[in-house]
PDB file of all heavy atoms in Angstrom:
ATOM      1  N   PRO A   1     -16.793 -25.992 -27.751  1.00  0.00           N
ATOM      2  CA  PRO A   1     -18.174 -26.030 -28.247  1.00  0.00           C
ATOM      3  C   PRO A   1     -19.117 -25.376 -27.236  1.00  0.00           C
ATOM      4  O   PRO A   1     -19.060 -25.668 -26.042  1.00  0.00           O
ATOM      5  CB  PRO A   1     -18.447 -27.523 -28.395  1.00  0.00           C
ATOM      6  CG  PRO A   1     -17.503 -28.183 -27.440  1.00  0.00           C
ATOM      7  CD  PRO A   1     -16.295 -27.320 -27.359  1.00  0.00           C
ATOM      8  N   ILE A   2     -19.981 -24.490 -27.712  1.00  0.00           N
ATOM      9  CA  ILE A   2     -20.865 -23.753 -26.788  1.00  0.00           C
ATOM     10  C   ILE A   2     -22.340 -24.062 -27.010  1.00  0.00           C
ATOM     11  O   ILE A   2     -23.184 -23.553 -26.274  1.00  0.00           O
ATOM     12  CB  ILE A   2     -20.632 -22.234 -26.895  1.00  0.00           C
ATOM     13  CG1 ILE A   2     -20.905 -21.737 -28.323  1.00  0.00           C
ATOM     14  CG2 ILE A   2     -19.220 -21.878 -26.465  1.00  0.00           C
ATOM     15  CD1 ILE A   2     -20.842 -20.224 -28.463  1.00  0.00           C
ATOM     16  N   GLY A   3     -22.671 -24.872 -28.006  1.00  0.00           N
ATOM     17  CA  GLY A   3     -24.076 -25.219 -28.187  1.00  0.00           C
ATOM     18  C   GLY A   3     -24.444 -25.445 -29.632  1.00  0.00           C
ATOM     19  O   GLY A   3     -23.590 -25.457 -30.527  1.00  0.00           O
ATOM     20  N   LEU A   4     -25.744 -25.636 -29.858  1.00  0.00           N
ATOM     21  CA  LEU A   4     -26.290 -25.864 -31.193  1.00  0.00           C
ATOM     22  C   LEU A   4     -26.959 -24.598 -31.689  1.00  0.00           C
ATOM     23  O   LEU A   4     -27.641 -23.896 -30.935  1.00  0.00           O
ATOM     24  CB  LEU A   4     -27.294 -27.014 -31.178  1.00  0.00           C
ATOM     25  CG  LEU A   4     -26.769 -28.381 -30.725  1.00  0.00           C
ATOM     26  CD1 LEU A   4     -27.900 -29.400 -30.713  1.00  0.00           C
ATOM     27  CD2 LEU A   4     -25.633 -28.858 -31.623  1.00  0.00           C
ATOM     28  N   PHE A   5     -26.771 -24.311 -32.961  1.00  0.00           N
ATOM     29  CA  PHE A   5     -27.398 -23.137 -33.569  1.00  0.00           C
ATOM     30  C   PHE A   5     -28.760 -23.527 -34.137  1.00  0.00           C
ATOM     31  O   PHE A   5     -28.913 -24.589 -34.749  1.00  0.00           O
ATOM     32  CB  PHE A   5     -26.514 -22.601 -34.698  1.00  0.00           C
ATOM     33  CG  PHE A   5     -27.082 -21.403 -35.392  1.00  0.00           C
ATOM     34  CD1 PHE A   5     -26.983 -20.142 -34.815  1.00  0.00           C
ATOM     35  CD2 PHE A   5     -27.737 -21.532 -36.603  1.00  0.00           C
ATOM     36  CE1 PHE A   5     -27.511 -19.033 -35.448  1.00  0.00           C
ATOM     37  CE2 PHE A   5     -28.266 -20.433 -37.248  1.00  0.00           C
ATOM     38  CZ  PHE A   5     -28.156 -19.179 -36.668  1.00  0.00           C
ATOM     39  N   GLY A   6     -29.730 -22.645 -33.948  1.00  0.00           N
ATOM     40  CA  GLY A   6     -31.069 -22.886 -34.492  1.00  0.00           C
ATOM     41  C   GLY A   6     -31.767 -24.069 -33.868  1.00  0.00           C
ATOM     42  O   GLY A   6     -32.575 -24.746 -34.520  1.00  0.00           O
ATOM     43  N   LYS A   7     -31.450 -24.327 -32.614  1.00  0.00           N
ATOM     44  CA  LYS A   7     -32.049 -25.470 -31.932  1.00  0.00           C
ATOM     45  C   LYS A   7     -33.560 -25.288 -31.841  1.00  0.00           C
ATOM     46  O   LYS A   7     -34.062 -24.231 -31.493  1.00  0.00           O
ATOM     47  CB  LYS A   7     -31.450 -25.606 -30.525  1.00  0.00           C
ATOM     48  CG  LYS A   7     -31.788 -26.898 -29.828  1.00  0.00           C
ATOM     49  CD  LYS A   7     -31.037 -27.012 -28.514  1.00  0.00           C
ATOM     50  CE  LYS A   7     -31.329 -28.336 -27.825  1.00  0.00           C
ATOM     51  NZ  LYS A   7     -30.602 -28.461 -26.541  1.00  0.00           N
ATOM     52  N   GLY A   8     -34.281 -26.342 -32.169  1.00  0.00           N
ATOM     53  CA  GLY A   8     -35.740 -26.275 -32.143  1.00  0.00           C
ATOM     54  C   GLY A   8     -36.355 -25.950 -33.482  1.00  0.00           C
ATOM     55  O   GLY A   8     -37.571 -26.045 -33.655  1.00  0.00           O
ATOM     56  N   THR A   9     -35.512 -25.557 -34.469  1.00  0.00           N
ATOM     57  CA  THR A   9     -36.028 -25.290 -35.813  1.00  0.00           C
ATOM     58  C   THR A   9     -35.884 -26.544 -36.668  1.00  0.00           C
ATOM     59  O   THR A   9     -35.204 -27.505 -36.291  1.00  0.00           O
ATOM     60  CB  THR A   9     -35.262 -24.129 -36.466  1.00  0.00           C
ATOM     61  OG1 THR A   9     -33.877 -24.480 -36.564  1.00  0.00           O
ATOM     62  CG2 THR A   9     -35.408 -22.859 -35.633  1.00  0.00           C
ATOM     63  N   GLU A  10     -36.505 -26.508 -37.828  1.00  0.00           N
ATOM     64  CA  GLU A  10     -36.499 -27.678 -38.710  1.00  0.00           C
ATOM     65  C   GLU A  10     -35.226 -27.691 -39.554  1.00  0.00           C
ATOM     66  O   GLU A  10     -35.122 -27.000 -40.562  1.00  0.00           O
ATOM     67  CB  GLU A  10     -37.724 -27.674 -39.618  1.00  0.00           C
ATOM     68  CG  GLU A  10     -37.832 -28.954 -40.460  1.00  0.00           C
ATOM     69  CD  GLU A  10     -38.995 -28.905 -41.440  1.00  0.00           C
ATOM     70  OE1 GLU A  10     -39.561 -27.812 -41.640  1.00  0.00           O
ATOM     71  OE2 GLU A  10     -39.328 -29.951 -42.008  1.00  0.00           O
ATOM     72  N   ILE A  11     -34.241 -28.456 -39.114  1.00  0.00           N
ATOM     73  CA  ILE A  11     -33.011 -28.681 -39.873  1.00  0.00           C
ATOM     74  C   ILE A  11     -32.847 -30.188 -40.008  1.00  0.00           C
ATOM     75  O   ILE A  11     -32.724 -30.896 -39.007  1.00  0.00           O
ATOM     76  CB  ILE A  11     -31.788 -28.068 -39.170  1.00  0.00           C
ATOM     77  CG1 ILE A  11     -31.967 -26.562 -38.975  1.00  0.00           C
ATOM     78  CG2 ILE A  11     -30.521 -28.359 -39.966  1.00  0.00           C
ATOM     79  CD1 ILE A  11     -30.853 -25.908 -38.189  1.00  0.00           C
ATOM     80  N   VAL A  12     -32.853 -30.696 -41.238  1.00  0.00           N
ATOM     81  CA  VAL A  12     -32.833 -32.142 -41.467  1.00  0.00           C
ATOM     82  C   VAL A  12     -31.458 -32.603 -41.947  1.00  0.00           C
ATOM     83  O   VAL A  12     -30.767 -33.366 -41.272  1.00  0.00           O
ATOM     84  CB  VAL A  12     -33.928 -32.557 -42.473  1.00  0.00           C
ATOM     85  CG1 VAL A  12     -33.910 -34.070 -42.679  1.00  0.00           C
ATOM     86  CG2 VAL A  12     -35.297 -32.104 -41.986  1.00  0.00           C
ATOM     87  N   ASN A  13     -31.040 -32.142 -43.134  1.00  0.00           N
ATOM     88  CA  ASN A  13     -29.740 -32.516 -43.705  1.00  0.00           C
ATOM     89  C   ASN A  13     -29.011 -31.259 -44.196  1.00  0.00           C
ATOM     90  O   ASN A  13     -28.991 -30.971 -45.399  1.00  0.00           O
ATOM     91  CB  ASN A  13     -29.900 -33.498 -44.872  1.00  0.00           C
ATOM     92  CG  ASN A  13     -30.569 -34.792 -44.478  1.00  0.00           C
ATOM     93  OD1 ASN A  13     -31.616 -35.156 -45.019  1.00  0.00           O
ATOM     94  ND2 ASN A  13     -29.987 -35.509 -43.532  1.00  0.00           N
ATOM     95  N   PRO A  14     -28.411 -30.519 -43.285  1.00  0.00           N
ATOM     96  CA  PRO A  14     -27.712 -29.293 -43.708  1.00  0.00           C
ATOM     97  C   PRO A  14     -26.505 -29.625 -44.579  1.00  0.00           C
ATOM     98  O   PRO A  14     -25.655 -30.425 -44.195  1.00  0.00           O
ATOM     99  CB  PRO A  14     -27.295 -28.646 -42.394  1.00  0.00           C
ATOM    100  CG  PRO A  14     -27.216 -29.783 -41.419  1.00  0.00           C
ATOM    101  CD  PRO A  14     -28.289 -30.747 -41.831  1.00  0.00           C
ATOM    102  N   GLU A  15     -26.466 -29.019 -45.764  1.00  0.00           N
ATOM    103  CA  GLU A  15     -25.401 -29.295 -46.724  1.00  0.00           C
ATOM    104  C   GLU A  15     -24.361 -28.182 -46.783  1.00  0.00           C
ATOM    105  O   GLU A  15     -23.184 -28.437 -47.012  1.00  0.00           O
ATOM    106  CB  GLU A  15     -25.990 -29.487 -48.132  1.00  0.00           C
ATOM    107  CG  GLU A  15     -26.985 -30.620 -48.253  1.00  0.00           C
ATOM    108  CD  GLU A  15     -26.336 -31.992 -48.241  1.00  0.00           C
ATOM    109  OE1 GLU A  15     -25.093 -32.046 -48.280  1.00  0.00           O
ATOM    110  OE2 GLU A  15     -27.058 -33.003 -48.189  1.00  0.00           O
ATOM    111  N   ASP A  16     -24.810 -26.937 -46.590  1.00  0.00           N
ATOM    112  CA  ASP A  16     -23.901 -25.809 -46.726  1.00  0.00           C
ATOM    113  C   ASP A  16     -24.373 -24.683 -45.814  1.00  0.00           C
ATOM    114  O   ASP A  16     -25.569 -24.570 -45.508  1.00  0.00           O
ATOM    115  CB  ASP A  16     -23.862 -25.329 -48.184  1.00  0.00           C
ATOM    116  CG  ASP A  16     -22.661 -24.433 -48.460  1.00  0.00           C
ATOM    117  OD1 ASP A  16     -21.686 -24.498 -47.689  1.00  0.00           O
ATOM    118  OD2 ASP A  16     -22.695 -23.658 -49.437  1.00  0.00           O
ATOM    119  N   ILE A  17     -23.413 -23.857 -45.380  1.00  0.00           N
ATOM    120  CA  ILE A  17     -23.727 -22.738 -44.500  1.00  0.00           C
ATOM    121  C   ILE A  17     -22.971 -21.512 -44.985  1.00  0.00           C
ATOM    122  O   ILE A  17     -21.827 -21.609 -45.437  1.00  0.00           O
ATOM    123  CB  ILE A  17     -23.375 -23.069 -43.037  1.00  0.00           C
ATOM    124  CG1 ILE A  17     -23.749 -21.897 -42.113  1.00  0.00           C
ATOM    125  CG2 ILE A  17     -21.917 -23.437 -42.876  1.00  0.00           C
ATOM    126  CD1 ILE A  17     -23.618 -22.221 -40.637  1.00  0.00           C
ATOM    127  N   TYR A  18     -23.637 -20.359 -44.906  1.00  0.00           N
ATOM    128  CA  TYR A  18     -22.984 -19.093 -45.248  1.00  0.00           C
ATOM    129  C   TYR A  18     -23.427 -18.040 -44.248  1.00  0.00           C
ATOM    130  O   TYR A  18     -24.604 -17.990 -43.858  1.00  0.00           O
ATOM    131  CB  TYR A  18     -23.351 -18.638 -46.672  1.00  0.00           C
ATOM    132  CG  TYR A  18     -22.712 -17.316 -47.027  1.00  0.00           C
ATOM    133  CD1 TYR A  18     -21.363 -17.254 -47.360  1.00  0.00           C
ATOM    134  CD2 TYR A  18     -23.445 -16.125 -46.985  1.00  0.00           C
ATOM    135  CE1 TYR A  18     -20.756 -16.048 -47.653  1.00  0.00           C
ATOM    136  CE2 TYR A  18     -22.845 -14.916 -47.276  1.00  0.00           C
ATOM    137  CZ  TYR A  18     -21.499 -14.873 -47.606  1.00  0.00           C
ATOM    138  OH  TYR A  18     -20.898 -13.682 -47.881  1.00  0.00           O
ATOM    139  N   ILE A  19     -22.470 -17.197 -43.807  1.00  0.00           N
ATOM    140  CA  ILE A  19     -22.760 -16.118 -42.861  1.00  0.00           C
ATOM    141  C   ILE A  19     -22.380 -14.802 -43.520  1.00  0.00           C
ATOM    142  O   ILE A  19     -21.235 -14.639 -43.974  1.00  0.00           O
ATOM    143  CB  ILE A  19     -21.981 -16.314 -41.543  1.00  0.00           C
ATOM    144  CG1 ILE A  19     -22.353 -17.656 -40.908  1.00  0.00           C
ATOM    145  CG2 ILE A  19     -22.263 -15.169 -40.572  1.00  0.00           C
ATOM    146  CD1 ILE A  19     -21.563 -17.983 -39.654  1.00  0.00           C
ATOM    147  N   ASP A  20     -23.342 -13.855 -43.594  1.00  0.00           N
ATOM    148  CA  ASP A  20     -23.070 -12.573 -44.248  1.00  0.00           C
ATOM    149  C   ASP A  20     -22.460 -11.572 -43.269  1.00  0.00           C
ATOM    150  O   ASP A  20     -22.182 -11.889 -42.112  1.00  0.00           O
ATOM    151  CB  ASP A  20     -24.334 -12.032 -44.907  1.00  0.00           C
ATOM    152  CG  ASP A  20     -25.442 -11.705 -43.896  1.00  0.00           C
ATOM    153  OD1 ASP A  20     -25.134 -11.577 -42.689  1.00  0.00           O
ATOM    154  OD2 ASP A  20     -26.609 -11.564 -44.305  1.00  0.00           O
ATOM    155  N   GLN A  21     -22.264 -10.342 -43.740  1.00  0.00           N
ATOM    156  CA  GLN A  21     -21.624  -9.319 -42.927  1.00  0.00           C
ATOM    157  C   GLN A  21     -22.455  -8.906 -41.715  1.00  0.00           C
ATOM    158  O   GLN A  21     -21.927  -8.340 -40.761  1.00  0.00           O
ATOM    159  CB  GLN A  21     -21.338  -8.084 -43.795  1.00  0.00           C
ATOM    160  CG  GLN A  21     -20.296  -8.316 -44.875  1.00  0.00           C
ATOM    161  CD  GLN A  21     -18.938  -8.688 -44.305  1.00  0.00           C
ATOM    162  OE1 GLN A  21     -18.491  -8.110 -43.326  1.00  0.00           O
ATOM    163  NE2 GLN A  21     -18.276  -9.672 -44.918  1.00  0.00           N
ATOM    164  N   LYS A  22     -23.751  -9.176 -41.749  1.00  0.00           N
ATOM    165  CA  LYS A  22     -24.625  -8.860 -40.615  1.00  0.00           C
ATOM    166  C   LYS A  22     -24.747 -10.043 -39.654  1.00  0.00           C
ATOM    167  O   LYS A  22     -25.576 -10.005 -38.751  1.00  0.00           O
ATOM    168  CB  LYS A  22     -26.008  -8.469 -41.126  1.00  0.00           C
ATOM    169  CG  LYS A  22     -26.012  -7.254 -42.049  1.00  0.00           C
ATOM    170  CD  LYS A  22     -27.413  -6.991 -42.584  1.00  0.00           C
ATOM    171  CE  LYS A  22     -27.416  -5.825 -43.566  1.00  0.00           C
ATOM    172  NZ  LYS A  22     -28.775  -5.597 -44.149  1.00  0.00           N
ATOM    173  N   ASP A  23     -23.931 -11.061 -39.867  1.00  0.00           N
ATOM    174  CA  ASP A  23     -23.976 -12.295 -39.074  1.00  0.00           C
ATOM    175  C   ASP A  23     -25.308 -13.020 -39.207  1.00  0.00           C
ATOM    176  O   ASP A  23     -25.725 -13.757 -38.312  1.00  0.00           O
ATOM    177  CB  ASP A  23     -23.669 -12.032 -37.597  1.00  0.00           C
ATOM    178  CG  ASP A  23     -22.168 -11.935 -37.342  1.00  0.00           C
ATOM    179  OD1 ASP A  23     -21.400 -12.488 -38.151  1.00  0.00           O
ATOM    180  OD2 ASP A  23     -21.774 -11.301 -36.347  1.00  0.00           O
ATOM    181  N   GLN A  24     -25.970 -12.809 -40.345  1.00  0.00           N
ATOM    182  CA  GLN A  24     -27.162 -13.595 -40.665  1.00  0.00           C
ATOM    183  C   GLN A  24     -26.706 -14.905 -41.307  1.00  0.00           C
ATOM    184  O   GLN A  24     -25.792 -14.921 -42.136  1.00  0.00           O
ATOM    185  CB  GLN A  24     -28.092 -12.825 -41.600  1.00  0.00           C
ATOM    186  CG  GLN A  24     -28.649 -11.565 -40.965  1.00  0.00           C
ATOM    187  CD  GLN A  24     -29.527 -10.774 -41.919  1.00  0.00           C
ATOM    188  OE1 GLN A  24     -30.606 -10.320 -41.557  1.00  0.00           O
ATOM    189  NE2 GLN A  24     -29.076 -10.578 -43.131  1.00  0.00           N
ATOM    190  N   VAL A  25     -27.344 -15.992 -40.913  1.00  0.00           N
ATOM    191  CA  VAL A  25     -26.889 -17.330 -41.284  1.00  0.00           C
ATOM    192  C   VAL A  25     -27.842 -17.948 -42.296  1.00  0.00           C
ATOM    193  O   VAL A  25     -29.067 -17.917 -42.106  1.00  0.00           O
ATOM    194  CB  VAL A  25     -26.781 -18.234 -40.042  1.00  0.00           C
ATOM    195  CG1 VAL A  25     -26.289 -19.619 -40.419  1.00  0.00           C
ATOM    196  CG2 VAL A  25     -25.848 -17.599 -39.002  1.00  0.00           C
ATOM    197  N   TYR A  26     -27.271 -18.513 -43.371  1.00  0.00           N
ATOM    198  CA  TYR A  26     -28.053 -19.161 -44.417  1.00  0.00           C
ATOM    199  C   TYR A  26     -27.665 -20.638 -44.444  1.00  0.00           C
ATOM    200  O   TYR A  26     -26.486 -20.976 -44.508  1.00  0.00           O
ATOM    201  CB  TYR A  26     -27.770 -18.530 -45.782  1.00  0.00           C
ATOM    202  CG  TYR A  26     -28.100 -17.062 -45.856  1.00  0.00           C
ATOM    203  CD1 TYR A  26     -27.236 -16.108 -45.321  1.00  0.00           C
ATOM    204  CD2 TYR A  26     -29.272 -16.616 -46.468  1.00  0.00           C
ATOM    205  CE1 TYR A  26     -27.533 -14.750 -45.390  1.00  0.00           C
ATOM    206  CE2 TYR A  26     -29.568 -15.256 -46.543  1.00  0.00           C
ATOM    207  CZ  TYR A  26     -28.695 -14.340 -45.998  1.00  0.00           C
ATOM    208  OH  TYR A  26     -28.997 -12.997 -46.067  1.00  0.00           O
ATOM    209  N   ILE A  27     -28.684 -21.506 -44.405  1.00  0.00           N
ATOM    210  CA  ILE A  27     -28.459 -22.950 -44.397  1.00  0.00           C
ATOM    211  C   ILE A  27     -29.138 -23.575 -45.615  1.00  0.00           C
ATOM    212  O   ILE A  27     -30.356 -23.428 -45.801  1.00  0.00           O
ATOM    213  CB  ILE A  27     -29.013 -23.610 -43.122  1.00  0.00           C
ATOM    214  CG1 ILE A  27     -28.414 -22.971 -41.875  1.00  0.00           C
ATOM    215  CG2 ILE A  27     -28.754 -25.116 -43.142  1.00  0.00           C
ATOM    216  CD1 ILE A  27     -26.944 -23.217 -41.701  1.00  0.00           C
ATOM    217  N   ALA A  28     -28.336 -24.265 -46.449  1.00  0.00           N
ATOM    218  CA  ALA A  28     -28.898 -25.053 -47.544  1.00  0.00           C
ATOM    219  C   ALA A  28     -29.166 -26.456 -47.012  1.00  0.00           C
ATOM    220  O   ALA A  28     -28.248 -27.141 -46.577  1.00  0.00           O
ATOM    221  CB  ALA A  28     -27.937 -25.092 -48.725  1.00  0.00           C
ATOM    222  N   ASP A  29     -30.420 -26.872 -47.056  1.00  0.00           N
ATOM    223  CA  ASP A  29     -30.845 -28.132 -46.440  1.00  0.00           C
ATOM    224  C   ASP A  29     -31.465 -29.021 -47.508  1.00  0.00           C
ATOM    225  O   ASP A  29     -32.542 -28.727 -48.042  1.00  0.00           O
ATOM    226  CB  ASP A  29     -31.859 -27.844 -45.331  1.00  0.00           C
ATOM    227  CG  ASP A  29     -32.137 -29.061 -44.456  1.00  0.00           C
ATOM    228  OD1 ASP A  29     -32.008 -30.184 -44.971  1.00  0.00           O
ATOM    229  OD2 ASP A  29     -32.489 -28.887 -43.284  1.00  0.00           O
ATOM    230  N   SER A  30     -30.782 -30.126 -47.834  1.00  0.00           N
ATOM    231  CA  SER A  30     -31.315 -31.040 -48.845  1.00  0.00           C
ATOM    232  C   SER A  30     -32.468 -31.862 -48.299  1.00  0.00           C
ATOM    233  O   SER A  30     -33.269 -32.406 -49.064  1.00  0.00           O
ATOM    234  CB  SER A  30     -30.208 -31.968 -49.351  1.00  0.00           C
ATOM    235  OG  SER A  30     -29.697 -32.765 -48.288  1.00  0.00           O
ATOM    236  N   GLY A  31     -32.560 -31.945 -46.976  1.00  0.00           N
ATOM    237  CA  GLY A  31     -33.662 -32.696 -46.373  1.00  0.00           C
ATOM    238  C   GLY A  31     -34.989 -31.978 -46.503  1.00  0.00           C
ATOM    239  O   GLY A  31     -36.010 -32.584 -46.852  1.00  0.00           O
ATOM    240  N   THR A  32     -34.990 -30.668 -46.235  1.00  0.00           N
ATOM    241  CA  THR A  32     -36.226 -29.872 -46.364  1.00  0.00           C
ATOM    242  C   THR A  32     -36.368 -29.282 -47.758  1.00  0.00           C
ATOM    243  O   THR A  32     -37.389 -28.668 -48.069  1.00  0.00           O
ATOM    244  CB  THR A  32     -36.232 -28.734 -45.340  1.00  0.00           C
ATOM    245  OG1 THR A  32     -35.115 -27.866 -45.597  1.00  0.00           O
ATOM    246  CG2 THR A  32     -36.136 -29.279 -43.921  1.00  0.00           C
ATOM    247  N   GLN A  33     -35.327 -29.408 -48.591  1.00  0.00           N
ATOM    248  CA  GLN A  33     -35.290 -28.868 -49.952  1.00  0.00           C
ATOM    249  C   GLN A  33     -35.526 -27.360 -49.959  1.00  0.00           C
ATOM    250  O   GLN A  33     -36.192 -26.818 -50.842  1.00  0.00           O
ATOM    251  CB  GLN A  33     -36.328 -29.579 -50.841  1.00  0.00           C
ATOM    252  CG  GLN A  33     -36.066 -31.069 -50.997  1.00  0.00           C
ATOM    253  CD  GLN A  33     -37.113 -31.757 -51.853  1.00  0.00           C
ATOM    254  OE1 GLN A  33     -38.311 -31.545 -51.666  1.00  0.00           O
ATOM    255  NE2 GLN A  33     -36.663 -32.589 -52.780  1.00  0.00           N
ATOM    256  N   THR A  34     -34.932 -26.693 -48.983  1.00  0.00           N
ATOM    257  CA  THR A  34     -35.051 -25.241 -48.875  1.00  0.00           C
ATOM    258  C   THR A  34     -33.731 -24.649 -48.413  1.00  0.00           C
ATOM    259  O   THR A  34     -32.824 -25.359 -47.985  1.00  0.00           O
ATOM    260  CB  THR A  34     -36.138 -24.827 -47.863  1.00  0.00           C
ATOM    261  OG1 THR A  34     -35.782 -25.337 -46.573  1.00  0.00           O
ATOM    262  CG2 THR A  34     -37.511 -25.343 -48.266  1.00  0.00           C
ATOM    263  N   VAL A  35     -33.654 -23.331 -48.477  1.00  0.00           N
ATOM    264  CA  VAL A  35     -32.592 -22.557 -47.840  1.00  0.00           C
ATOM    265  C   VAL A  35     -33.246 -21.701 -46.771  1.00  0.00           C
ATOM    266  O   VAL A  35     -34.215 -20.983 -47.043  1.00  0.00           O
ATOM    267  CB  VAL A  35     -31.841 -21.676 -48.856  1.00  0.00           C
ATOM    268  CG1 VAL A  35     -30.934 -20.676 -48.131  1.00  0.00           C
ATOM    269  CG2 VAL A  35     -31.016 -22.528 -49.809  1.00  0.00           C
ATOM    270  N   THR A  36     -32.738 -21.786 -45.552  1.00  0.00           N
ATOM    271  CA  THR A  36     -33.316 -21.052 -44.428  1.00  0.00           C
ATOM    272  C   THR A  36     -32.360 -19.966 -43.988  1.00  0.00           C
ATOM    273  O   THR A  36     -31.159 -20.189 -43.850  1.00  0.00           O
ATOM    274  CB  THR A  36     -33.598 -21.992 -43.245  1.00  0.00           C
ATOM    275  OG1 THR A  36     -34.394 -23.089 -43.699  1.00  0.00           O
ATOM    276  CG2 THR A  36     -34.335 -21.258 -42.135  1.00  0.00           C
ATOM    277  N   LYS A  37     -32.944 -18.777 -43.760  1.00  0.00           N
ATOM    278  CA  LYS A  37     -32.168 -17.630 -43.292  1.00  0.00           C
ATOM    279  C   LYS A  37     -32.476 -17.401 -41.811  1.00  0.00           C
ATOM    280  O   LYS A  37     -33.633 -17.316 -41.412  1.00  0.00           O
ATOM    281  CB  LYS A  37     -32.519 -16.394 -44.111  1.00  0.00           C
ATOM    282  CG  LYS A  37     -31.844 -15.105 -43.684  1.00  0.00           C
ATOM    283  CD  LYS A  37     -32.316 -13.959 -44.569  1.00  0.00           C
ATOM    284  CE  LYS A  37     -31.741 -12.628 -44.157  1.00  0.00           C
ATOM    285  NZ  LYS A  37     -32.251 -11.523 -45.016  1.00  0.00           N
ATOM    286  N   PHE A  38     -31.408 -17.314 -40.982  1.00  0.00           N
ATOM    287  CA  PHE A  38     -31.544 -17.110 -39.544  1.00  0.00           C
ATOM    288  C   PHE A  38     -30.891 -15.788 -39.146  1.00  0.00           C
ATOM    289  O   PHE A  38     -29.976 -15.306 -39.834  1.00  0.00           O
ATOM    290  CB  PHE A  38     -30.837 -18.233 -38.762  1.00  0.00           C
ATOM    291  CG  PHE A  38     -31.365 -19.612 -38.999  1.00  0.00           C
ATOM    292  CD1 PHE A  38     -30.928 -20.373 -40.080  1.00  0.00           C
ATOM    293  CD2 PHE A  38     -32.300 -20.177 -38.137  1.00  0.00           C
ATOM    294  CE1 PHE A  38     -31.401 -21.653 -40.290  1.00  0.00           C
ATOM    295  CE2 PHE A  38     -32.771 -21.464 -38.335  1.00  0.00           C
ATOM    296  CZ  PHE A  38     -32.331 -22.206 -39.422  1.00  0.00           C
ATOM    297  N   ASP A  39     -31.353 -15.231 -38.025  1.00  0.00           N
ATOM    298  CA  ASP A  39     -30.588 -14.136 -37.439  1.00  0.00           C
ATOM    299  C   ASP A  39     -29.478 -14.734 -36.590  1.00  0.00           C
ATOM    300  O   ASP A  39     -29.358 -15.958 -36.467  1.00  0.00           O
ATOM    301  CB  ASP A  39     -31.486 -13.189 -36.633  1.00  0.00           C
ATOM    302  CG  ASP A  39     -32.130 -13.864 -35.421  1.00  0.00           C
ATOM    303  OD1 ASP A  39     -31.675 -14.956 -35.017  1.00  0.00           O
ATOM    304  OD2 ASP A  39     -33.103 -13.304 -34.888  1.00  0.00           O
ATOM    305  N   GLU A  40     -28.634 -13.893 -35.977  1.00  0.00           N
ATOM    306  CA  GLU A  40     -27.469 -14.403 -35.254  1.00  0.00           C
ATOM    307  C   GLU A  40     -27.843 -15.195 -34.011  1.00  0.00           C
ATOM    308  O   GLU A  40     -27.007 -15.939 -33.463  1.00  0.00           O
ATOM    309  CB  GLU A  40     -26.545 -13.249 -34.871  1.00  0.00           C
ATOM    310  CG  GLU A  40     -27.186 -12.189 -34.017  1.00  0.00           C
ATOM    311  CD  GLU A  40     -26.227 -11.045 -33.732  1.00  0.00           C
ATOM    312  OE1 GLU A  40     -25.009 -11.312 -33.607  1.00  0.00           O
ATOM    313  OE2 GLU A  40     -26.674  -9.897 -33.641  1.00  0.00           O
TER     314      GLU A  40
END
């Protein structure tokens, strides 16, 4: 383990994660009722 991803951002109840070919990360969060897109 090397650390936490997206530390300091609003992540409450992450339900699902997807990483595309550009290593961009998508988080489905039922706590915030949103999907958040992150860079690598």
